[in-house]
Amino acid sequence: MIGIVDYGLGNISAFANIFKQLNIPFKSIKNSEDFDSVDKLILPGVGAFDYAMTLLNKSGMREKLDDMVLNQNVPVLGVCVGMQIMADSSEEGVMQGLGWVSGSVRKIDVAKLRHKPTIPHMGWNRVKPKKDVDVFAGIDYEQGFYFLHSYYFSANNEEDILAVAEYAGEFSCAVHKDNIYGFQFHPEKSLLNGVTLLKNFANI
């Protein structure tokens, strides 16, 4: 059973529609009691880093999430800001992140961009895998995924970088550490590649 963490941010219905299409059991998680019977987690998110952390901390689910991810090793997939809050901190705010993957969130360097408008980075972009992992099985890397962001995850450990993309230079667009996966792009908006990715995650 996949649990989609609903703490007030992220397009929950988009993930739900894909899992319905794939006939994969899922449920929305809105409190700590909802985690029962869940063996995988989706942590979505859109908007600002501090706002996301504030909502998550106020949701009453933070302690349960930390326990499931860090102690029970439940696979978790963070998307967009849901990925960014897995870091230690962000240039976008002052709050501490979850600290699940060592790193910080940094703003895209607009000085390196040649075209206007410069940010957010929006639209389809190719990705380049840095690891051979099951979650990327069957992915068309040339088609890539849909992005919408102004900040990116800068991992402290190179071995935690799962994939990179090019925009104002190369940046990490996916991270992976043990049972933890994070994607800056939006699989729920990335058509067949996104559906394939979520199906792969469900089968881990």
N, C-alpha and C. Protein backbone atom coordinates (compact mmCIF):
# COMPACT_ATOMS: atom_id res chain seq x y z
N MET A 1 0.84 -1.20 0.00
CA MET A 1 0.00 0.00 0.00
C MET A 1 0.88 1.25 0.00
N ILE A 2 0.65 2.13 -0.96
CA ILE A 2 1.39 3.39 -1.03
C ILE A 2 0.61 4.47 -0.29
N GLY A 3 1.29 5.20 0.57
CA GLY A 3 0.69 6.31 1.28
C GLY A 3 1.15 7.63 0.70
N ILE A 4 0.22 8.47 0.27
CA ILE A 4 0.54 9.80 -0.26
C ILE A 4 0.35 10.80 0.89
N VAL A 5 1.43 11.41 1.33
CA VAL A 5 1.39 12.28 2.51
C VAL A 5 0.74 13.60 2.14
N ASP A 6 -0.42 13.87 2.74
CA ASP A 6 -1.19 15.08 2.47
C ASP A 6 -1.05 16.02 3.66
N TYR A 7 -0.05 16.91 3.59
CA TYR A 7 0.17 17.87 4.66
C TYR A 7 -0.18 19.29 4.24
N GLY A 8 -0.89 19.39 3.11
CA GLY A 8 -1.38 20.68 2.65
C GLY A 8 -0.70 21.21 1.41
N LEU A 9 0.28 20.48 0.87
CA LEU A 9 1.00 20.90 -0.33
C LEU A 9 1.12 19.75 -1.31
N GLY A 10 1.05 20.06 -2.59
CA GLY A 10 1.24 19.02 -3.60
C GLY A 10 -0.07 18.58 -4.22
N ASN A 11 0.04 18.11 -5.44
CA ASN A 11 -1.14 17.68 -6.19
C ASN A 11 -1.44 16.22 -5.87
N ILE A 12 -2.12 15.99 -4.76
CA ILE A 12 -2.42 14.63 -4.31
C ILE A 12 -3.23 13.88 -5.35
N SER A 13 -4.21 14.56 -5.94
CA SER A 13 -5.12 13.90 -6.89
C SER A 13 -4.40 13.40 -8.13
N ALA A 14 -3.34 14.10 -8.56
CA ALA A 14 -2.60 13.67 -9.74
C ALA A 14 -1.91 12.34 -9.49
N PHE A 15 -1.31 12.18 -8.33
CA PHE A 15 -0.70 10.90 -7.99
C PHE A 15 -1.77 9.82 -7.85
N ALA A 16 -2.87 10.17 -7.20
CA ALA A 16 -3.96 9.22 -6.99
C ALA A 16 -4.49 8.71 -8.33
N ASN A 17 -4.65 9.60 -9.30
CA ASN A 17 -5.17 9.19 -10.60
C ASN A 17 -4.24 8.21 -11.30
N ILE A 18 -2.93 8.42 -11.17
CA ILE A 18 -1.98 7.52 -11.81
C ILE A 18 -2.02 6.14 -11.15
N PHE A 19 -2.05 6.12 -9.81
CA PHE A 19 -2.10 4.83 -9.13
C PHE A 19 -3.41 4.09 -9.41
N LYS A 20 -4.51 4.83 -9.56
CA LYS A 20 -5.77 4.21 -9.96
C LYS A 20 -5.62 3.58 -11.34
N GLN A 21 -5.03 4.31 -12.26
CA GLN A 21 -4.82 3.82 -13.62
C GLN A 21 -3.98 2.54 -13.62
N LEU A 22 -3.01 2.47 -12.72
CA LEU A 22 -2.12 1.32 -12.65
C LEU A 22 -2.65 0.19 -11.76
N ASN A 23 -3.82 0.42 -11.15
CA ASN A 23 -4.40 -0.56 -10.21
C ASN A 23 -3.47 -0.87 -9.05
N ILE A 24 -2.80 0.18 -8.56
CA ILE A 24 -1.89 0.04 -7.43
C ILE A 24 -2.58 0.60 -6.18
N PRO A 25 -2.69 -0.18 -5.12
CA PRO A 25 -3.36 0.30 -3.91
C PRO A 25 -2.64 1.51 -3.30
N PHE A 26 -3.41 2.50 -2.89
CA PHE A 26 -2.84 3.70 -2.29
C PHE A 26 -3.88 4.30 -1.34
N LYS A 27 -3.41 5.21 -0.51
CA LYS A 27 -4.33 6.00 0.30
C LYS A 27 -3.67 7.32 0.67
N SER A 28 -4.50 8.31 0.94
CA SER A 28 -4.03 9.61 1.39
C SER A 28 -3.78 9.57 2.89
N ILE A 29 -2.66 10.14 3.31
CA ILE A 29 -2.30 10.16 4.73
C ILE A 29 -2.40 11.58 5.25
N LYS A 30 -3.26 11.78 6.23
CA LYS A 30 -3.47 13.12 6.79
C LYS A 30 -3.15 13.21 8.28
N ASN A 31 -2.91 12.07 8.92
CA ASN A 31 -2.52 12.07 10.33
C ASN A 31 -1.71 10.82 10.61
N SER A 32 -1.14 10.74 11.80
CA SER A 32 -0.22 9.64 12.12
C SER A 32 -0.91 8.28 12.12
N GLU A 33 -2.21 8.24 12.37
CA GLU A 33 -2.93 6.97 12.37
C GLU A 33 -3.09 6.39 10.97
N ASP A 34 -3.03 7.24 9.95
CA ASP A 34 -3.25 6.79 8.57
C ASP A 34 -2.09 5.96 8.02
N PHE A 35 -0.96 5.94 8.72
CA PHE A 35 0.21 5.21 8.23
C PHE A 35 0.06 3.69 8.33
N ASP A 36 -0.94 3.22 9.06
CA ASP A 36 -1.15 1.79 9.21
C ASP A 36 -1.32 1.12 7.85
N SER A 37 -0.66 0.01 7.63
CA SER A 37 -0.71 -0.82 6.42
C SER A 37 0.06 -0.22 5.24
N VAL A 38 0.72 0.91 5.44
CA VAL A 38 1.48 1.55 4.35
C VAL A 38 2.90 0.98 4.33
N ASP A 39 3.39 0.60 3.12
CA ASP A 39 4.75 0.10 3.01
C ASP A 39 5.63 0.91 2.06
N LYS A 40 5.04 1.98 1.49
CA LYS A 40 5.81 2.93 0.68
C LYS A 40 5.15 4.30 0.83
N LEU A 41 5.96 5.35 0.65
CA LEU A 41 5.46 6.72 0.87
C LEU A 41 5.79 7.64 -0.29
N ILE A 42 4.85 8.52 -0.62
CA ILE A 42 5.07 9.63 -1.56
C ILE A 42 4.99 10.92 -0.75
N LEU A 43 6.03 11.76 -0.85
CA LEU A 43 6.05 13.05 -0.17
C LEU A 43 6.05 14.15 -1.23
N PRO A 44 4.87 14.65 -1.61
CA PRO A 44 4.81 15.69 -2.64
C PRO A 44 5.08 17.07 -2.04
N GLY A 45 5.03 18.09 -2.88
CA GLY A 45 5.19 19.44 -2.36
C GLY A 45 5.39 20.45 -3.47
N VAL A 46 4.79 21.61 -3.29
CA VAL A 46 5.00 22.75 -4.18
C VAL A 46 5.11 24.00 -3.30
N GLY A 47 5.79 25.03 -3.81
CA GLY A 47 5.88 26.27 -3.03
C GLY A 47 7.21 26.43 -2.34
N ALA A 48 7.21 27.17 -1.23
CA ALA A 48 8.43 27.56 -0.55
C ALA A 48 8.86 26.54 0.50
N PHE A 49 10.16 26.44 0.71
CA PHE A 49 10.77 25.49 1.64
C PHE A 49 10.25 25.67 3.07
N ASP A 50 10.34 26.89 3.61
CA ASP A 50 9.93 27.12 4.99
C ASP A 50 8.44 26.85 5.20
N TYR A 51 7.64 27.21 4.21
CA TYR A 51 6.20 26.99 4.32
C TYR A 51 5.90 25.49 4.36
N ALA A 52 6.61 24.73 3.51
CA ALA A 52 6.42 23.28 3.49
C ALA A 52 6.82 22.67 4.84
N MET A 53 7.96 23.09 5.38
CA MET A 53 8.39 22.54 6.66
C MET A 53 7.44 22.95 7.79
N THR A 54 6.93 24.16 7.74
CA THR A 54 5.98 24.62 8.76
C THR A 54 4.73 23.76 8.74
N LEU A 55 4.17 23.53 7.55
CA LEU A 55 2.97 22.70 7.44
C LEU A 55 3.23 21.27 7.88
N LEU A 56 4.37 20.71 7.49
CA LEU A 56 4.67 19.33 7.87
C LEU A 56 4.85 19.21 9.38
N ASN A 57 5.55 20.16 9.97
CA ASN A 57 5.76 20.12 11.42
C ASN A 57 4.44 20.27 12.19
N LYS A 58 3.54 21.07 11.65
CA LYS A 58 2.25 21.29 12.31
C LYS A 58 1.26 20.15 12.06
N SER A 59 1.56 19.30 11.10
CA SER A 59 0.61 18.26 10.71
C SER A 59 0.50 17.13 11.74
N GLY A 60 1.48 17.03 12.62
CA GLY A 60 1.50 15.93 13.57
C GLY A 60 2.06 14.64 12.99
N MET A 61 2.57 14.70 11.76
CA MET A 61 3.06 13.49 11.10
C MET A 61 4.59 13.41 11.05
N ARG A 62 5.27 14.46 11.46
CA ARG A 62 6.74 14.50 11.33
C ARG A 62 7.42 13.35 12.07
N GLU A 63 7.06 13.12 13.31
CA GLU A 63 7.71 12.07 14.10
C GLU A 63 7.49 10.69 13.49
N LYS A 64 6.27 10.42 13.03
CA LYS A 64 5.96 9.14 12.42
C LYS A 64 6.72 8.97 11.10
N LEU A 65 6.81 10.04 10.31
CA LEU A 65 7.55 9.99 9.05
C LEU A 65 9.01 9.68 9.30
N ASP A 66 9.64 10.39 10.24
CA ASP A 66 11.04 10.14 10.56
C ASP A 66 11.26 8.68 10.98
N ASP A 67 10.36 8.16 11.78
CA ASP A 67 10.50 6.79 12.27
C ASP A 67 10.40 5.79 11.11
N MET A 68 9.40 5.97 10.26
CA MET A 68 9.20 5.03 9.16
C MET A 68 10.36 5.07 8.18
N VAL A 69 10.85 6.26 7.86
CA VAL A 69 11.91 6.41 6.86
C VAL A 69 13.27 6.03 7.43
N LEU A 70 13.60 6.53 8.61
CA LEU A 70 14.94 6.36 9.15
C LEU A 70 15.13 5.08 9.96
N ASN A 71 14.07 4.62 10.61
CA ASN A 71 14.19 3.43 11.47
C ASN A 71 13.61 2.17 10.83
N GLN A 72 12.45 2.32 10.17
CA GLN A 72 11.82 1.16 9.55
C GLN A 72 12.24 0.96 8.09
N ASN A 73 12.98 1.94 7.55
CA ASN A 73 13.50 1.85 6.18
C ASN A 73 12.40 1.69 5.14
N VAL A 74 11.27 2.34 5.35
CA VAL A 74 10.18 2.34 4.38
C VAL A 74 10.60 3.19 3.17
N PRO A 75 10.49 2.67 1.95
CA PRO A 75 10.84 3.48 0.77
C PRO A 75 9.98 4.74 0.68
N VAL A 76 10.63 5.86 0.40
CA VAL A 76 9.93 7.14 0.29
C VAL A 76 10.40 7.86 -0.96
N LEU A 77 9.47 8.50 -1.64
CA LEU A 77 9.77 9.26 -2.85
C LEU A 77 9.30 10.70 -2.64
N GLY A 78 10.25 11.63 -2.61
CA GLY A 78 9.93 13.05 -2.47
C GLY A 78 9.92 13.72 -3.83
N VAL A 79 8.95 14.59 -4.06
CA VAL A 79 8.80 15.25 -5.37
C VAL A 79 8.83 16.76 -5.20
N CYS A 80 9.65 17.44 -6.00
CA CYS A 80 9.78 18.89 -6.02
C CYS A 80 10.14 19.40 -4.62
N VAL A 81 9.31 20.21 -3.99
CA VAL A 81 9.63 20.69 -2.64
C VAL A 81 9.64 19.52 -1.66
N GLY A 82 8.89 18.47 -1.95
CA GLY A 82 8.94 17.27 -1.13
C GLY A 82 10.32 16.63 -1.15
N MET A 83 11.05 16.81 -2.24
CA MET A 83 12.46 16.39 -2.31
C MET A 83 13.34 17.38 -1.56
N GLN A 84 13.10 18.67 -1.78
CA GLN A 84 13.97 19.69 -1.20
C GLN A 84 13.97 19.67 0.33
N ILE A 85 12.82 19.41 0.93
CA ILE A 85 12.77 19.42 2.39
C ILE A 85 13.47 18.20 3.00
N MET A 86 13.90 17.25 2.16
CA MET A 86 14.71 16.14 2.65
C MET A 86 16.13 16.59 2.98
N ALA A 87 16.53 17.77 2.52
CA ALA A 87 17.86 18.31 2.76
C ALA A 87 17.98 18.86 4.18
N ASP A 88 19.18 19.33 4.51
CA ASP A 88 19.42 19.92 5.82
C ASP A 88 18.88 21.34 5.92
N SER A 89 18.98 22.09 4.82
CA SER A 89 18.61 23.51 4.85
C SER A 89 18.39 24.01 3.43
N SER A 90 17.97 25.27 3.32
CA SER A 90 17.72 25.86 2.00
C SER A 90 18.07 27.34 2.00
N GLU A 91 18.61 27.83 0.88
CA GLU A 91 18.85 29.25 0.71
C GLU A 91 17.54 30.03 0.63
N GLU A 92 16.44 29.32 0.39
CA GLU A 92 15.14 29.97 0.26
C GLU A 92 14.56 30.36 1.61
N GLY A 93 15.04 29.75 2.68
CA GLY A 93 14.46 30.01 3.99
C GLY A 93 15.47 29.85 5.11
N VAL A 94 14.96 29.80 6.34
CA VAL A 94 15.83 29.72 7.51
C VAL A 94 15.59 28.46 8.34
N MET A 95 14.56 27.72 8.02
CA MET A 95 14.22 26.54 8.82
C MET A 95 15.10 25.36 8.47
N GLN A 96 15.22 24.45 9.43
CA GLN A 96 15.91 23.20 9.17
C GLN A 96 15.01 22.26 8.38
N GLY A 97 15.63 21.51 7.47
CA GLY A 97 14.89 20.50 6.73
C GLY A 97 14.83 19.20 7.50
N LEU A 98 14.36 18.16 6.83
CA LEU A 98 14.26 16.86 7.46
C LEU A 98 15.63 16.23 7.72
N GLY A 99 16.61 16.59 6.90
CA GLY A 99 17.95 16.06 7.08
C GLY A 99 18.10 14.60 6.73
N TRP A 100 17.25 14.07 5.89
CA TRP A 100 17.31 12.66 5.50
C TRP A 100 18.47 12.39 4.55
N VAL A 101 18.78 13.37 3.69
CA VAL A 101 19.90 13.27 2.75
C VAL A 101 20.76 14.50 2.96
N SER A 102 22.04 14.31 3.22
CA SER A 102 22.92 15.43 3.53
C SER A 102 23.07 16.36 2.33
N GLY A 103 22.74 17.63 2.53
CA GLY A 103 22.85 18.59 1.44
C GLY A 103 22.06 19.85 1.75
N SER A 104 22.12 20.79 0.84
CA SER A 104 21.38 22.04 0.98
C SER A 104 20.69 22.38 -0.33
N VAL A 105 19.65 23.19 -0.25
CA VAL A 105 18.90 23.60 -1.43
C VAL A 105 19.39 24.98 -1.85
N ARG A 106 19.75 25.12 -3.10
CA ARG A 106 20.34 26.36 -3.59
C ARG A 106 19.53 26.93 -4.76
N LYS A 107 19.63 28.23 -4.92
CA LYS A 107 18.92 28.89 -6.01
C LYS A 107 19.68 28.72 -7.31
N ILE A 108 18.95 28.52 -8.39
CA ILE A 108 19.56 28.45 -9.71
C ILE A 108 20.30 29.76 -9.98
N ASP A 109 21.53 29.66 -10.47
CA ASP A 109 22.37 30.83 -10.74
C ASP A 109 21.95 31.47 -12.07
N VAL A 110 21.18 32.54 -11.99
CA VAL A 110 20.65 33.17 -13.21
C VAL A 110 21.76 33.77 -14.07
N ALA A 111 22.92 34.05 -13.47
CA ALA A 111 24.04 34.62 -14.23
C ALA A 111 24.55 33.66 -15.29
N LYS A 112 24.26 32.38 -15.13
CA LYS A 112 24.72 31.37 -16.07
C LYS A 112 23.72 31.11 -17.19
N LEU A 113 22.57 31.80 -17.15
CA LEU A 113 21.54 31.58 -18.16
C LEU A 113 21.65 32.59 -19.28
N ARG A 114 21.39 32.13 -20.49
CA ARG A 114 21.52 32.98 -21.67
C ARG A 114 20.19 33.54 -22.14
N HIS A 115 19.09 32.93 -21.74
CA HIS A 115 17.79 33.31 -22.26
C HIS A 115 16.89 33.86 -21.16
N LYS A 116 15.95 34.72 -21.55
CA LYS A 116 14.97 35.27 -20.62
C LYS A 116 13.59 34.76 -21.02
N PRO A 117 12.63 34.55 -20.09
CA PRO A 117 12.85 34.66 -18.65
C PRO A 117 13.75 33.54 -18.15
N THR A 118 14.41 33.79 -17.04
CA THR A 118 15.44 32.88 -16.57
C THR A 118 14.91 31.84 -15.58
N ILE A 119 14.17 32.28 -14.60
CA ILE A 119 13.61 31.35 -13.63
C ILE A 119 12.14 31.69 -13.42
N PRO A 120 11.32 30.71 -13.11
CA PRO A 120 11.71 29.33 -12.82
C PRO A 120 12.12 28.55 -14.06
N HIS A 121 12.86 27.48 -13.81
CA HIS A 121 13.14 26.49 -14.84
C HIS A 121 11.84 25.72 -15.06
N MET A 122 11.26 25.87 -16.23
CA MET A 122 9.92 25.32 -16.47
C MET A 122 9.88 24.60 -17.80
N GLY A 123 9.33 23.41 -17.80
CA GLY A 123 9.15 22.64 -19.03
C GLY A 123 9.92 21.34 -19.01
N TRP A 124 9.95 20.69 -20.16
CA TRP A 124 10.59 19.38 -20.29
C TRP A 124 12.10 19.52 -20.39
N ASN A 125 12.80 18.58 -19.76
CA ASN A 125 14.26 18.58 -19.84
C ASN A 125 14.76 17.14 -19.76
N ARG A 126 15.82 16.87 -20.50
CA ARG A 126 16.44 15.56 -20.45
C ARG A 126 17.15 15.36 -19.11
N VAL A 127 17.27 14.11 -18.70
CA VAL A 127 18.00 13.79 -17.47
C VAL A 127 19.07 12.75 -17.80
N LYS A 128 20.12 12.75 -16.99
CA LYS A 128 21.23 11.82 -17.18
C LYS A 128 21.42 11.04 -15.88
N PRO A 129 21.18 9.73 -15.91
CA PRO A 129 21.32 8.94 -14.67
C PRO A 129 22.78 8.82 -14.25
N LYS A 130 23.00 8.82 -12.96
CA LYS A 130 24.33 8.61 -12.40
C LYS A 130 24.45 7.24 -11.73
N LYS A 131 23.31 6.57 -11.56
CA LYS A 131 23.28 5.24 -10.97
C LYS A 131 22.35 4.35 -11.80
N ASP A 132 22.61 3.06 -11.74
CA ASP A 132 21.73 2.09 -12.37
C ASP A 132 20.80 1.54 -11.29
N VAL A 133 19.59 2.08 -11.23
CA VAL A 133 18.64 1.66 -10.20
C VAL A 133 17.31 1.26 -10.86
N ASP A 134 16.58 0.39 -10.18
CA ASP A 134 15.34 -0.15 -10.73
C ASP A 134 14.30 0.92 -10.99
N VAL A 135 14.32 2.00 -10.23
CA VAL A 135 13.29 3.02 -10.37
C VAL A 135 13.35 3.70 -11.74
N PHE A 136 14.49 3.64 -12.43
CA PHE A 136 14.64 4.24 -13.75
C PHE A 136 14.47 3.22 -14.89
N ALA A 137 14.06 2.02 -14.60
CA ALA A 137 13.89 1.00 -15.64
C ALA A 137 12.85 1.45 -16.67
N GLY A 138 13.21 1.38 -17.94
CA GLY A 138 12.27 1.71 -19.00
C GLY A 138 12.07 3.19 -19.25
N ILE A 139 12.88 4.05 -18.64
CA ILE A 139 12.72 5.50 -18.80
C ILE A 139 13.38 5.96 -20.11
N ASP A 140 12.70 6.85 -20.83
CA ASP A 140 13.24 7.49 -22.03
C ASP A 140 13.97 8.76 -21.58
N TYR A 141 15.28 8.69 -21.46
CA TYR A 141 16.05 9.82 -20.93
C TYR A 141 16.05 11.01 -21.87
N GLU A 142 15.94 10.75 -23.15
CA GLU A 142 15.92 11.87 -24.12
C GLU A 142 14.64 12.68 -23.98
N GLN A 143 13.52 12.02 -23.73
CA GLN A 143 12.27 12.75 -23.50
C GLN A 143 12.33 13.48 -22.17
N GLY A 144 12.88 12.83 -21.18
CA GLY A 144 13.06 13.46 -19.88
C GLY A 144 11.77 13.61 -19.08
N PHE A 145 11.76 14.66 -18.27
CA PHE A 145 10.65 14.89 -17.35
C PHE A 145 10.28 16.37 -17.32
N TYR A 146 9.14 16.65 -16.72
CA TYR A 146 8.65 18.04 -16.63
C TYR A 146 9.15 18.68 -15.33
N PHE A 147 9.76 19.86 -15.48
CA PHE A 147 10.32 20.60 -14.35
C PHE A 147 9.57 21.92 -14.12
N LEU A 148 9.52 22.34 -12.88
CA LEU A 148 9.03 23.67 -12.52
C LEU A 148 9.63 24.04 -11.17
N HIS A 149 10.76 24.79 -11.21
CA HIS A 149 11.46 25.10 -9.96
C HIS A 149 12.45 26.23 -10.16
N SER A 150 12.81 26.86 -9.04
CA SER A 150 13.84 27.90 -9.03
C SER A 150 15.02 27.51 -8.14
N TYR A 151 14.85 26.44 -7.39
CA TYR A 151 15.89 25.95 -6.49
C TYR A 151 16.17 24.48 -6.79
N TYR A 152 17.35 24.01 -6.40
CA TYR A 152 17.73 22.62 -6.65
C TYR A 152 18.46 22.05 -5.44
N PHE A 153 18.50 20.75 -5.35
CA PHE A 153 19.12 20.03 -4.24
C PHE A 153 20.61 19.85 -4.53
N SER A 154 21.45 20.43 -3.70
CA SER A 154 22.90 20.26 -3.82
C SER A 154 23.35 19.25 -2.77
N ALA A 155 23.59 18.03 -3.20
CA ALA A 155 23.96 16.96 -2.27
C ALA A 155 25.41 17.11 -1.82
N ASN A 156 25.65 16.88 -0.53
CA ASN A 156 27.02 16.94 -0.01
C ASN A 156 27.84 15.75 -0.43
N ASN A 157 27.20 14.60 -0.65
CA ASN A 157 27.89 13.39 -1.04
C ASN A 157 27.52 13.02 -2.47
N GLU A 158 28.51 12.93 -3.31
CA GLU A 158 28.26 12.66 -4.73
C GLU A 158 27.53 11.33 -4.94
N GLU A 159 27.78 10.37 -4.05
CA GLU A 159 27.14 9.07 -4.22
C GLU A 159 25.63 9.12 -3.98
N ASP A 160 25.14 10.22 -3.42
CA ASP A 160 23.69 10.38 -3.21
C ASP A 160 22.98 10.96 -4.43
N ILE A 161 23.74 11.39 -5.46
CA ILE A 161 23.14 11.97 -6.67
C ILE A 161 22.69 10.83 -7.59
N LEU A 162 21.42 10.78 -7.88
CA LEU A 162 20.86 9.72 -8.73
C LEU A 162 20.84 10.11 -10.20
N ALA A 163 20.59 11.41 -10.48
CA ALA A 163 20.54 11.88 -11.87
C ALA A 163 20.80 13.37 -11.90
N VAL A 164 21.24 13.85 -13.06
CA VAL A 164 21.52 15.27 -13.26
C VAL A 164 20.78 15.76 -14.51
N ALA A 165 20.61 17.07 -14.57
CA ALA A 165 20.04 17.72 -15.76
C ALA A 165 20.83 18.98 -16.02
N GLU A 166 20.59 19.61 -17.18
CA GLU A 166 21.31 20.83 -17.55
C GLU A 166 20.37 22.03 -17.56
N TYR A 167 20.68 23.00 -16.74
CA TYR A 167 19.99 24.30 -16.77
C TYR A 167 20.83 25.24 -15.92
N ALA A 168 21.42 26.24 -16.54
CA ALA A 168 22.42 27.08 -15.87
C ALA A 168 23.55 26.19 -15.36
N GLY A 169 23.97 25.27 -16.21
CA GLY A 169 24.97 24.28 -15.82
C GLY A 169 24.31 23.01 -15.33
N GLU A 170 25.11 22.05 -14.99
CA GLU A 170 24.60 20.76 -14.53
C GLU A 170 24.15 20.86 -13.08
N PHE A 171 23.00 20.29 -12.78
CA PHE A 171 22.51 20.26 -11.40
C PHE A 171 21.91 18.89 -11.09
N SER A 172 21.89 18.52 -9.84
CA SER A 172 21.30 17.24 -9.45
C SER A 172 19.78 17.37 -9.48
N CYS A 173 19.14 16.52 -10.26
CA CYS A 173 17.68 16.56 -10.36
C CYS A 173 17.04 15.37 -9.67
N ALA A 174 17.87 14.47 -9.14
CA ALA A 174 17.34 13.32 -8.40
C ALA A 174 18.40 12.85 -7.41
N VAL A 175 17.95 12.47 -6.23
CA VAL A 175 18.86 11.94 -5.22
C VAL A 175 18.37 10.57 -4.76
N HIS A 176 19.29 9.80 -4.23
CA HIS A 176 18.95 8.46 -3.74
C HIS A 176 19.92 8.06 -2.63
N LYS A 177 19.38 7.69 -1.50
CA LYS A 177 20.18 7.19 -0.39
C LYS A 177 19.40 6.09 0.30
N ASP A 178 19.87 4.87 0.16
CA ASP A 178 19.21 3.72 0.78
C ASP A 178 17.75 3.62 0.32
N ASN A 179 16.80 3.82 1.22
CA ASN A 179 15.37 3.72 0.91
C ASN A 179 14.76 5.06 0.51
N ILE A 180 15.59 6.08 0.36
CA ILE A 180 15.10 7.45 0.13
C ILE A 180 15.37 7.87 -1.32
N TYR A 181 14.31 8.31 -2.00
CA TYR A 181 14.40 8.81 -3.37
C TYR A 181 13.82 10.22 -3.42
N GLY A 182 14.49 11.10 -4.16
CA GLY A 182 13.96 12.46 -4.33
C GLY A 182 14.08 12.89 -5.77
N PHE A 183 13.02 13.52 -6.30
CA PHE A 183 13.01 13.98 -7.69
C PHE A 183 12.59 15.43 -7.76
N GLN A 184 13.43 16.26 -8.38
CA GLN A 184 13.08 17.67 -8.54
C GLN A 184 11.97 17.83 -9.58
N PHE A 185 11.96 16.99 -10.58
CA PHE A 185 10.94 17.05 -11.63
C PHE A 185 9.63 16.46 -11.11
N HIS A 186 8.59 16.61 -11.91
CA HIS A 186 7.25 16.15 -11.53
C HIS A 186 6.86 14.90 -12.32
N PRO A 187 6.98 13.72 -11.74
CA PRO A 187 6.54 12.52 -12.48
C PRO A 187 5.05 12.54 -12.77
N GLU A 188 4.27 13.16 -11.90
CA GLU A 188 2.82 13.19 -12.10
C GLU A 188 2.41 14.08 -13.28
N LYS A 189 3.37 14.85 -13.83
CA LYS A 189 3.12 15.69 -15.00
C LYS A 189 3.95 15.28 -16.21
N SER A 190 4.60 14.13 -16.11
CA SER A 190 5.59 13.73 -17.12
C SER A 190 5.13 12.58 -18.01
N LEU A 191 3.81 12.45 -18.20
CA LEU A 191 3.25 11.49 -19.14
C LEU A 191 3.80 10.08 -18.92
N LEU A 192 4.17 9.37 -19.98
CA LEU A 192 4.54 7.96 -19.85
C LEU A 192 5.77 7.77 -18.96
N ASN A 193 6.75 8.66 -19.09
CA ASN A 193 7.93 8.54 -18.23
C ASN A 193 7.55 8.62 -16.75
N GLY A 194 6.65 9.53 -16.44
CA GLY A 194 6.23 9.68 -15.05
C GLY A 194 5.46 8.48 -14.54
N VAL A 195 4.57 7.96 -15.39
CA VAL A 195 3.80 6.78 -15.02
C VAL A 195 4.74 5.59 -14.80
N THR A 196 5.72 5.44 -15.69
CA THR A 196 6.69 4.36 -15.56
C THR A 196 7.49 4.48 -14.27
N LEU A 197 7.91 5.69 -13.96
CA LEU A 197 8.69 5.93 -12.74
C LEU A 197 7.90 5.56 -11.50
N LEU A 198 6.64 6.00 -11.43
CA LEU A 198 5.81 5.69 -10.26
C LEU A 198 5.49 4.21 -10.16
N LYS A 199 5.33 3.56 -11.30
CA LYS A 199 5.11 2.12 -11.30
C LYS A 199 6.35 1.39 -10.79
N ASN A 200 7.51 1.83 -11.25
CA ASN A 200 8.76 1.24 -10.78
C ASN A 200 8.93 1.41 -9.28
N PHE A 201 8.61 2.60 -8.77
CA PHE A 201 8.73 2.84 -7.35
C PHE A 201 7.80 1.91 -6.56
N ALA A 202 6.61 1.72 -7.08
CA ALA A 202 5.64 0.85 -6.40
C ALA A 202 6.12 -0.59 -6.35
N ASN A 203 6.98 -0.97 -7.29
CA ASN A 203 7.46 -2.35 -7.37
C ASN A 203 8.81 -2.58 -6.68
N ILE A 204 9.35 -1.54 -6.08
CA ILE A 204 10.64 -1.69 -5.38
C ILE A 204 10.50 -2.67 -4.22
